[in-house]
PDB file of N, CA and C in Angstrom:
ATOM      1  N   MET A   1       0.805  -1.106  -0.058  1.00  0.00           N
ATOM      2  CA  MET A   1      -0.018  -0.002  -0.043  1.00  0.00           C
ATOM      3  C   MET A   1       0.946   1.210   0.045  1.00  0.00           C
ATOM      4  N   ILE A   2       0.327   2.294  -0.520  1.00  0.00           N
ATOM      5  CA  ILE A   2       1.113   3.583  -0.647  1.00  0.00           C
ATOM      6  C   ILE A   2       0.250   4.701  -0.087  1.00  0.00           C
ATOM      7  N   ALA A   3       0.858   5.766   0.296  1.00  0.00           N
ATOM      8  CA  ALA A   3       0.157   6.953   0.750  1.00  0.00           C
ATOM      9  C   ALA A   3       0.378   7.980  -0.306  1.00  0.00           C
ATOM     10  N   THR A   4      -0.723   8.632  -0.676  1.00  0.00           N
ATOM     11  CA  THR A   4      -0.718   9.725  -1.689  1.00  0.00           C
ATOM     12  C   THR A   4      -1.273  10.963  -1.115  1.00  0.00           C
ATOM     13  N   PRO A   5      -0.836  12.108  -1.556  1.00  0.00           N
ATOM     14  CA  PRO A   5      -1.438  13.322  -0.960  1.00  0.00           C
ATOM     15  C   PRO A   5      -2.861  13.540  -1.252  1.00  0.00           C
ATOM     16  N   ALA A   6      -3.690  13.819  -0.256  1.00  0.00           N
ATOM     17  CA  ALA A   6      -5.110  14.122  -0.481  1.00  0.00           C
ATOM     18  C   ALA A   6      -5.366  15.584  -0.595  1.00  0.00           C
ATOM     19  N   ALA A   7      -6.428  15.958  -1.130  1.00  0.00           N
ATOM     20  CA  ALA A   7      -6.709  17.389  -1.366  1.00  0.00           C
ATOM     21  C   ALA A   7      -6.699  18.193  -0.097  1.00  0.00           C
ATOM     22  N   ALA A   8      -7.122  17.593   1.042  1.00  0.00           N
ATOM     23  CA  ALA A   8      -7.128  18.385   2.376  1.00  0.00           C
ATOM     24  C   ALA A   8      -5.832  18.310   2.945  1.00  0.00           C
ATOM     25  N   GLY A   9      -4.830  17.716   2.462  1.00  0.00           N
ATOM     26  CA  GLY A   9      -3.498  17.693   2.978  1.00  0.00           C
ATOM     27  C   GLY A   9      -3.080  16.424   3.745  1.00  0.00           C
ATOM     28  N   SER A  10      -4.018  15.618   4.155  1.00  0.00           N
ATOM     29  CA  SER A  10      -3.630  14.414   4.850  1.00  0.00           C
ATOM     30  C   SER A  10      -3.471  13.308   3.853  1.00  0.00           C
ATOM     31  N   PRO A  11      -2.463  12.323   4.072  1.00  0.00           N
ATOM     32  CA  PRO A  11      -2.243  11.350   3.072  1.00  0.00           C
ATOM     33  C   PRO A  11      -3.426  10.363   3.001  1.00  0.00           C
ATOM     34  N   ARG A  12      -3.618   9.809   1.798  1.00  0.00           N
ATOM     35  CA  ARG A  12      -4.559   8.796   1.523  1.00  0.00           C
ATOM     36  C   ARG A  12      -3.839   7.472   1.463  1.00  0.00           C
ATOM     37  N   VAL A  13      -4.498   6.405   1.849  1.00  0.00           N
ATOM     38  CA  VAL A  13      -3.909   5.102   1.721  1.00  0.00           C
ATOM     39  C   VAL A  13      -4.506   4.524   0.448  1.00  0.00           C
ATOM     40  N   CYS A  14      -3.604   4.100  -0.447  1.00  0.00           N
ATOM     41  CA  CYS A  14      -4.060   3.518  -1.757  1.00  0.00           C
ATOM     42  C   CYS A  14      -3.296   2.177  -1.959  1.00  0.00           C
ATOM     43  N   GLY A  15      -3.886   1.349  -2.719  1.00  0.00           N
ATOM     44  CA  GLY A  15      -3.228   0.078  -3.095  1.00  0.00           C
ATOM     45  C   GLY A  15      -4.123  -0.689  -3.889  1.00  0.00           C
ATOM     46  N   PRO A  16      -3.565  -1.987  -4.245  1.00  0.00           N
ATOM     47  CA  PRO A  16      -4.470  -2.959  -5.001  1.00  0.00           C
ATOM     48  C   PRO A  16      -5.748  -3.192  -4.210  1.00  0.00           C
ATOM     49  N   THR A  17      -6.853  -3.232  -4.866  1.00  0.00           N
ATOM     50  CA  THR A  17      -8.156  -3.450  -4.296  1.00  0.00           C
ATOM     51  C   THR A  17      -8.158  -4.600  -3.311  1.00  0.00           C
ATOM     52  N   GLY A  18      -7.685  -5.757  -3.662  1.00  0.00           N
ATOM     53  CA  GLY A  18      -7.653  -6.907  -2.719  1.00  0.00           C
ATOM     54  C   GLY A  18      -6.974  -6.639  -1.435  1.00  0.00           C
ATOM     55  N   GLN A  19      -5.850  -5.916  -1.391  1.00  0.00           N
ATOM     56  CA  GLN A  19      -5.062  -5.635  -0.259  1.00  0.00           C
ATOM     57  C   GLN A  19      -5.931  -4.688   0.651  1.00  0.00           C
ATOM     58  N   ILE A  20      -6.520  -3.668   0.106  1.00  0.00           N
ATOM     59  CA  ILE A  20      -7.366  -2.759   0.856  1.00  0.00           C
ATOM     60  C   ILE A  20      -8.536  -3.458   1.422  1.00  0.00           C
ATOM     61  N   VAL A  21      -9.260  -4.176   0.657  1.00  0.00           N
ATOM     62  CA  VAL A  21     -10.426  -4.955   1.221  1.00  0.00           C
ATOM     63  C   VAL A  21      -9.983  -5.895   2.423  1.00  0.00           C
ATOM     64  N   GLU A  22      -8.840  -6.568   2.173  1.00  0.00           N
ATOM     65  CA  GLU A  22      -8.419  -7.508   3.203  1.00  0.00           C
ATOM     66  C   GLU A  22      -8.020  -6.739   4.521  1.00  0.00           C
ATOM     67  N   ARG A  23      -7.408  -5.614   4.315  1.00  0.00           N
ATOM     68  CA  ARG A  23      -7.071  -4.755   5.546  1.00  0.00           C
ATOM     69  C   ARG A  23      -8.295  -4.278   6.241  1.00  0.00           C
ATOM     70  N   LEU A  24      -9.350  -3.920   5.528  1.00  0.00           N
ATOM     71  CA  LEU A  24     -10.591  -3.448   6.149  1.00  0.00           C
ATOM     72  C   LEU A  24     -11.257  -4.562   6.942  1.00  0.00           C
ATOM     73  N   ASP A  25     -11.186  -5.810   6.326  1.00  0.00           N
ATOM     74  CA  ASP A  25     -11.834  -6.923   6.998  1.00  0.00           C
ATOM     75  C   ASP A  25     -10.983  -7.296   8.251  1.00  0.00           C
ATOM     76  N   LYS A  26      -9.676  -7.526   8.142  1.00  0.00           N
ATOM     77  CA  LYS A  26      -8.905  -8.007   9.172  1.00  0.00           C
ATOM     78  C   LYS A  26      -8.740  -6.967  10.378  1.00  0.00           C
ATOM     79  N   THR A  27      -8.593  -5.698   9.935  1.00  0.00           N
ATOM     80  CA  THR A  27      -8.307  -4.696  10.977  1.00  0.00           C
ATOM     81  C   THR A  27      -9.551  -4.153  11.666  1.00  0.00           C
ATOM     82  N   PHE A  28     -10.687  -4.026  10.908  1.00  0.00           N
ATOM     83  CA  PHE A  28     -11.877  -3.341  11.378  1.00  0.00           C
ATOM     84  C   PHE A  28     -13.134  -4.221  11.308  1.00  0.00           C
ATOM     85  N   GLY A  29     -13.054  -5.387  10.691  1.00  0.00           N
ATOM     86  CA  GLY A  29     -14.213  -6.313  10.573  1.00  0.00           C
ATOM     87  C   GLY A  29     -15.284  -5.653   9.585  1.00  0.00           C
ATOM     88  N   GLU A  30     -14.792  -4.815   8.722  1.00  0.00           N
ATOM     89  CA  GLU A  30     -15.741  -4.184   7.855  1.00  0.00           C
ATOM     90  C   GLU A  30     -15.886  -4.817   6.517  1.00  0.00           C
ATOM     91  N   HIS A  31     -17.140  -4.906   5.961  1.00  0.00           N
ATOM     92  CA  HIS A  31     -17.497  -5.579   4.752  1.00  0.00           C
ATOM     93  C   HIS A  31     -18.286  -4.685   3.857  1.00  0.00           C
ATOM     94  N   LEU A  32     -18.260  -4.864   2.557  1.00  0.00           N
ATOM     95  CA  LEU A  32     -18.939  -4.113   1.596  1.00  0.00           C
ATOM     96  C   LEU A  32     -20.423  -3.937   1.955  1.00  0.00           C
ATOM     97  N   THR A  33     -20.847  -2.774   2.108  1.00  0.00           N
ATOM     98  CA  THR A  33     -22.206  -2.404   2.439  1.00  0.00           C
ATOM     99  C   THR A  33     -23.055  -1.828   1.171  1.00  0.00           C
ATOM    100  N   GLY A  34     -22.328  -1.033   0.385  1.00  0.00           N
ATOM    101  CA  GLY A  34     -22.992  -0.439  -0.738  1.00  0.00           C
ATOM    102  C   GLY A  34     -21.894   0.133  -1.685  1.00  0.00           C
ATOM    103  N   ALA A  35     -22.240   0.330  -2.959  1.00  0.00           N
ATOM    104  CA  ALA A  35     -21.259   0.764  -3.877  1.00  0.00           C
ATOM    105  C   ALA A  35     -22.067   1.348  -5.132  1.00  0.00           C
ATOM    106  N   GLY A  36     -21.444   2.227  -5.888  1.00  0.00           N
ATOM    107  CA  GLY A  36     -21.914   2.747  -7.062  1.00  0.00           C
ATOM    108  C   GLY A  36     -20.886   3.424  -7.915  1.00  0.00           C
ATOM    109  N   LEU A  37     -21.167   3.665  -9.127  1.00  0.00           N
ATOM    110  CA  LEU A  37     -20.193   4.331 -10.039  1.00  0.00           C
ATOM    111  C   LEU A  37     -20.364   5.796 -10.062  1.00  0.00           C
ATOM    112  N   ASP A  38     -19.237   6.577  -9.988  1.00  0.00           N
ATOM    113  CA  ASP A  38     -19.257   8.045 -10.024  1.00  0.00           C
ATOM    114  C   ASP A  38     -19.211   8.447 -11.540  1.00  0.00           C
ATOM    115  N   ALA A  39     -19.279   9.751 -11.830  1.00  0.00           N
ATOM    116  CA  ALA A  39     -19.361  10.226 -13.122  1.00  0.00           C
ATOM    117  C   ALA A  39     -18.038   9.998 -13.963  1.00  0.00           C
ATOM    118  N   SER A  40     -16.989   9.689 -13.171  1.00  0.00           N
ATOM    119  CA  SER A  40     -15.634   9.420 -13.874  1.00  0.00           C
ATOM    120  C   SER A  40     -15.424   7.988 -14.149  1.00  0.00           C
ATOM    121  N   GLY A  41     -16.406   7.103 -13.694  1.00  0.00           N
ATOM    122  CA  GLY A  41     -16.227   5.756 -13.930  1.00  0.00           C
ATOM    123  C   GLY A  41     -15.503   4.976 -12.833  1.00  0.00           C
ATOM    124  N   ASN A  42     -15.332   5.638 -11.700  1.00  0.00           N
ATOM    125  CA  ASN A  42     -14.704   5.072 -10.500  1.00  0.00           C
ATOM    126  C   ASN A  42     -15.808   4.464  -9.677  1.00  0.00           C
ATOM    127  N   MET A  43     -15.448   3.316  -8.903  1.00  0.00           N
ATOM    128  CA  MET A  43     -16.369   2.678  -8.038  1.00  0.00           C
ATOM    129  C   MET A  43     -16.211   3.325  -6.655  1.00  0.00           C
ATOM    130  N   VAL A  44     -17.287   3.903  -6.118  1.00  0.00           N
ATOM    131  CA  VAL A  44     -17.271   4.401  -4.790  1.00  0.00           C
ATOM    132  C   VAL A  44     -17.984   3.402  -3.897  1.00  0.00           C
ATOM    133  N   SER A  45     -17.275   2.957  -2.841  1.00  0.00           N
ATOM    134  CA  SER A  45     -17.772   1.887  -2.018  1.00  0.00           C
ATOM    135  C   SER A  45     -17.767   2.241  -0.500  1.00  0.00           C
ATOM    136  N   VAL A  46     -18.765   1.759   0.145  1.00  0.00           N
ATOM    137  CA  VAL A  46     -18.759   1.881   1.671  1.00  0.00           C
ATOM    138  C   VAL A  46     -18.621   0.470   2.313  1.00  0.00           C
ATOM    139  N   TYR A  47     -17.627   0.385   3.144  1.00  0.00           N
ATOM    140  CA  TYR A  47     -17.434  -0.837   3.993  1.00  0.00           C
ATOM    141  C   TYR A  47     -17.809  -0.490   5.397  1.00  0.00           C
ATOM    142  N   SER A  48     -18.524  -1.404   6.065  1.00  0.00           N
ATOM    143  CA  SER A  48     -18.875  -1.071   7.447  1.00  0.00           C
ATOM    144  C   SER A  48     -18.982  -2.259   8.267  1.00  0.00           C
ATOM    145  N   ASN A  49     -18.995  -2.115   9.586  1.00  0.00           N
ATOM    146  CA  ASN A  49     -19.066  -3.087  10.663  1.00  0.00           C
ATOM    147  C   ASN A  49     -20.375  -2.827  11.431  1.00  0.00           C
ATOM    148  N   PRO A  50     -21.390  -3.745  11.298  1.00  0.00           N
ATOM    149  CA  PRO A  50     -22.687  -3.470  11.934  1.00  0.00           C
ATOM    150  C   PRO A  50     -22.603  -3.546  13.516  1.00  0.00           C
ATOM    151  N   GLU A  51     -21.595  -4.250  14.070  1.00  0.00           N
ATOM    152  CA  GLU A  51     -21.486  -4.319  15.434  1.00  0.00           C
ATOM    153  C   GLU A  51     -20.749  -3.128  16.194  1.00  0.00           C
ATOM    154  N   LYS A  52     -19.692  -2.716  15.435  1.00  0.00           N
ATOM    155  CA  LYS A  52     -18.926  -1.543  15.968  1.00  0.00           C
ATOM    156  C   LYS A  52     -19.359  -0.282  15.352  1.00  0.00           C
ATOM    157  N   LEU A  53     -20.214  -0.277  14.362  1.00  0.00           N
ATOM    158  CA  LEU A  53     -20.725   0.932  13.636  1.00  0.00           C
ATOM    159  C   LEU A  53     -19.664   1.733  13.081  1.00  0.00           C
ATOM    160  N   THR A  54     -18.477   1.106  12.682  1.00  0.00           N
ATOM    161  CA  THR A  54     -17.467   1.840  11.935  1.00  0.00           C
ATOM    162  C   THR A  54     -17.709   1.760  10.436  1.00  0.00           C
ATOM    163  N   TRP A  55     -17.060   2.630   9.680  1.00  0.00           N
ATOM    164  CA  TRP A  55     -17.232   2.614   8.268  1.00  0.00           C
ATOM    165  C   TRP A  55     -15.994   3.168   7.607  1.00  0.00           C
ATOM    166  N   THR A  56     -15.898   2.842   6.293  1.00  0.00           N
ATOM    167  CA  THR A  56     -14.842   3.325   5.496  1.00  0.00           C
ATOM    168  C   THR A  56     -15.325   3.489   4.056  1.00  0.00           C
ATOM    169  N   MET A  57     -14.980   4.726   3.427  1.00  0.00           N
ATOM    170  CA  MET A  57     -15.388   4.992   2.090  1.00  0.00           C
ATOM    171  C   MET A  57     -14.162   4.846   1.218  1.00  0.00           C
ATOM    172  N   THR A  58     -14.276   4.069   0.057  1.00  0.00           N
ATOM    173  CA  THR A  58     -13.176   3.997  -0.822  1.00  0.00           C
ATOM    174  C   THR A  58     -13.595   4.379  -2.228  1.00  0.00           C
ATOM    175  N   VAL A  59     -12.570   4.755  -2.949  1.00  0.00           N
ATOM    176  CA  VAL A  59     -12.806   5.041  -4.450  1.00  0.00           C
ATOM    177  C   VAL A  59     -11.807   4.092  -5.132  1.00  0.00           C
ATOM    178  N   THR A  60     -12.323   3.361  -6.114  1.00  0.00           N
ATOM    179  CA  THR A  60     -11.497   2.377  -6.964  1.00  0.00           C
ATOM    180  C   THR A  60     -11.547   2.795  -8.404  1.00  0.00           C
ATOM    181  N   THR A  61     -10.379   2.922  -8.980  1.00  0.00           N
ATOM    182  CA  THR A  61     -10.315   3.335 -10.388  1.00  0.00           C
ATOM    183  C   THR A  61     -10.527   2.156 -11.285  1.00  0.00           C
ATOM    184  N   PRO A  62     -10.715   2.368 -12.567  1.00  0.00           N
ATOM    185  CA  PRO A  62     -10.937   1.233 -13.460  1.00  0.00           C
ATOM    186  C   PRO A  62      -9.667   0.340 -13.558  1.00  0.00           C
ATOM    187  N   GLU A  63      -8.495   0.882 -13.087  1.00  0.00           N
ATOM    188  CA  GLU A  63      -7.246   0.085 -13.075  1.00  0.00           C
ATOM    189  C   GLU A  63      -7.211  -0.723 -11.772  1.00  0.00           C
ATOM    190  N   ARG A  64      -8.183  -0.716 -10.931  1.00  0.00           N
ATOM    191  CA  ARG A  64      -8.259  -1.494  -9.770  1.00  0.00           C
ATOM    192  C   ARG A  64      -7.329  -1.011  -8.681  1.00  0.00           C
ATOM    193  N   VAL A  65      -7.069   0.235  -8.638  1.00  0.00           N
ATOM    194  CA  VAL A  65      -6.259   0.859  -7.524  1.00  0.00           C
ATOM    195  C   VAL A  65      -7.343   1.543  -6.625  1.00  0.00           C
ATOM    196  N   THR A  66      -7.366   1.162  -5.360  1.00  0.00           N
ATOM    197  CA  THR A  66      -8.334   1.582  -4.450  1.00  0.00           C
ATOM    198  C   THR A  66      -7.686   2.560  -3.398  1.00  0.00           C
ATOM    199  N   CYS A  67      -8.380   3.675  -3.092  1.00  0.00           N
ATOM    200  CA  CYS A  67      -7.925   4.614  -2.155  1.00  0.00           C
ATOM    201  C   CYS A  67      -8.992   4.772  -1.136  1.00  0.00           C
ATOM    202  N   ILE A  68      -8.544   4.841   0.216  1.00  0.00           N
ATOM    203  CA  ILE A  68      -9.416   5.083   1.244  1.00  0.00           C
ATOM    204  C   ILE A  68      -9.580   6.681   1.316  1.00  0.00           C
ATOM    205  N   VAL A  69     -10.768   7.130   1.242  1.00  0.00           N
ATOM    206  CA  VAL A  69     -10.991   8.552   1.199  1.00  0.00           C
ATOM    207  C   VAL A  69     -11.614   9.133   2.421  1.00  0.00           C
ATOM    208  N   SER A  70     -12.281   8.260   3.246  1.00  0.00           N
ATOM    209  CA  SER A  70     -12.816   8.706   4.451  1.00  0.00           C
ATOM    210  C   SER A  70     -13.166   7.583   5.364  1.00  0.00           C
ATOM    211  N   SER A  71     -13.219   7.767   6.704  1.00  0.00           N
ATOM    212  CA  SER A  71     -13.650   6.659   7.564  1.00  0.00           C
ATOM    213  C   SER A  71     -14.075   7.285   8.945  1.00  0.00           C
ATOM    214  N   GLY A  72     -14.862   6.467   9.660  1.00  0.00           N
ATOM    215  CA  GLY A  72     -15.250   7.021  10.924  1.00  0.00           C
ATOM    216  C   GLY A  72     -16.074   6.046  11.745  1.00  0.00           C
ATOM    217  N   ASP A  73     -16.916   6.529  12.658  1.00  0.00           N
ATOM    218  CA  ASP A  73     -17.772   5.611  13.453  1.00  0.00           C
ATOM    219  C   ASP A  73     -19.160   6.178  13.538  1.00  0.00           C
ATOM    220  N   GLY A  74     -20.021   5.495  14.217  1.00  0.00           N
ATOM    221  CA  GLY A  74     -21.359   5.965  14.358  1.00  0.00           C
ATOM    222  C   GLY A  74     -22.191   5.680  13.021  1.00  0.00           C
ATOM    223  N   TRP A  75     -21.862   4.756  12.217  1.00  0.00           N
ATOM    224  CA  TRP A  75     -22.568   4.475  11.023  1.00  0.00           C
ATOM    225  C   TRP A  75     -24.022   4.128  11.305  1.00  0.00           C
ATOM    226  N   ALA A  76     -24.933   4.706  10.608  1.00  0.00           N
ATOM    227  CA  ALA A  76     -26.377   4.401  10.751  1.00  0.00           C
ATOM    228  C   ALA A  76     -26.816   3.579   9.608  1.00  0.00           C
ATOM    229  N   TYR A  77     -27.424   2.430   9.857  1.00  0.00           N
ATOM    230  CA  TYR A  77     -27.929   1.541   8.818  1.00  0.00           C
ATOM    231  C   TYR A  77     -29.394   1.966   8.580  1.00  0.00           C
ATOM    232  N   GLU A  78     -29.667   2.282   7.291  1.00  0.00           N
ATOM    233  CA  GLU A  78     -31.099   2.576   6.871  1.00  0.00           C
ATOM    234  C   GLU A  78     -31.583   1.599   5.905  1.00  0.00           C
ATOM    235  N   ARG A  79     -32.872   1.443   5.993  1.00  0.00           N
ATOM    236  CA  ARG A  79     -33.523   0.600   5.061  1.00  0.00           C
ATOM    237  C   ARG A  79     -33.647   1.300   3.648  1.00  0.00           C
ATOM    238  N   PRO A  80     -33.420   0.572   2.541  1.00  0.00           N
ATOM    239  CA  PRO A  80     -33.588   1.253   1.233  1.00  0.00           C
ATOM    240  C   PRO A  80     -35.071   1.689   1.044  1.00  0.00           C
ATOM    241  N   ALA A  81     -35.279   2.771   0.422  1.00  0.00           N
ATOM    242  CA  ALA A  81     -36.637   3.137   0.062  1.00  0.00           C
ATOM    243  C   ALA A  81     -37.212   2.118  -0.856  1.00  0.00           C
ATOM    244  N   THR A  82     -38.588   1.824  -0.660  1.00  0.00           N
ATOM    245  CA  THR A  82     -39.213   0.938  -1.531  1.00  0.00           C
ATOM    246  C   THR A  82     -39.851   1.676  -2.647  1.00  0.00           C
ATOM    247  N   PRO A  83     -39.586   1.380  -3.887  1.00  0.00           N
ATOM    248  CA  PRO A  83     -40.223   2.107  -4.934  1.00  0.00           C
ATOM    249  C   PRO A  83     -41.782   1.893  -4.922  1.00  0.00           C
ATOM    250  N   ALA A  84     -42.534   2.976  -5.335  1.00  0.00           N
ATOM    251  CA  ALA A  84     -43.998   2.825  -5.368  1.00  0.00           C
ATOM    252  C   ALA A  84     -44.378   1.860  -6.485  1.00  0.00           C
ATOM    253  N   ASP A  85     -45.449   1.101  -6.145  1.00  0.00           N
ATOM    254  CA  ASP A  85     -45.989   0.175  -7.142  1.00  0.00           C
ATOM    255  C   ASP A  85     -46.610   0.997  -8.234  1.00  0.00           C
ATOM    256  N   PRO A  86     -46.202   0.872  -9.451  1.00  0.00           N
ATOM    257  CA  PRO A  86     -46.724   1.690 -10.631  1.00  0.00           C
ATOM    258  C   PRO A  86     -48.229   1.529 -10.803  1.00  0.00           C
ATOM    259  N   GLY A  87     -48.714   0.452 -10.462  1.00  0.00           N
ATOM    260  CA  GLY A  87     -50.200   0.155 -10.630  1.00  0.00           C
ATOM    261  C   GLY A  87     -51.050   0.616  -9.498  1.00  0.00           C
ATOM    262  N   ARG A  88     -50.411   1.220  -8.492  1.00  0.00           N
ATOM    263  CA  ARG A  88     -51.111   1.608  -7.272  1.00  0.00           C
ATOM    264  C   ARG A  88     -50.895   3.153  -7.064  1.00  0.00           C
ATOM    265  N   PRO A  89     -51.996   3.840  -6.756  1.00  0.00           N
ATOM    266  CA  PRO A  89     -51.827   5.273  -6.548  1.00  0.00           C
ATOM    267  C   PRO A  89     -51.070   5.507  -5.218  1.00  0.00           C
ATOM    268  N   SER A  90     -50.253   6.604  -5.235  1.00  0.00           N
ATOM    269  CA  SER A  90     -49.390   6.929  -4.043  1.00  0.00           C
ATOM    270  C   SER A  90     -50.240   7.567  -2.911  1.00  0.00           C
TER     271      SER A  90
END
């Protein structure tokens, strides 16, 4: 893993996706909770631990380099919104 300068001045931890994911699992017990693609084609992911309520946000490039961009505690788990039934009035 390598540290790269972040926009706010603190170093980011970056490395191969597999190494970052393994570190989050072994060190914090965090597992993938959600993910999506940003406008640049990067995968933005949240890893969290439901018992300790810790979380980590990562960004993974198409080249499979993953950087930890933020982390913390007090993660709140929310139920996904249920889409309205199109055949039923709201």
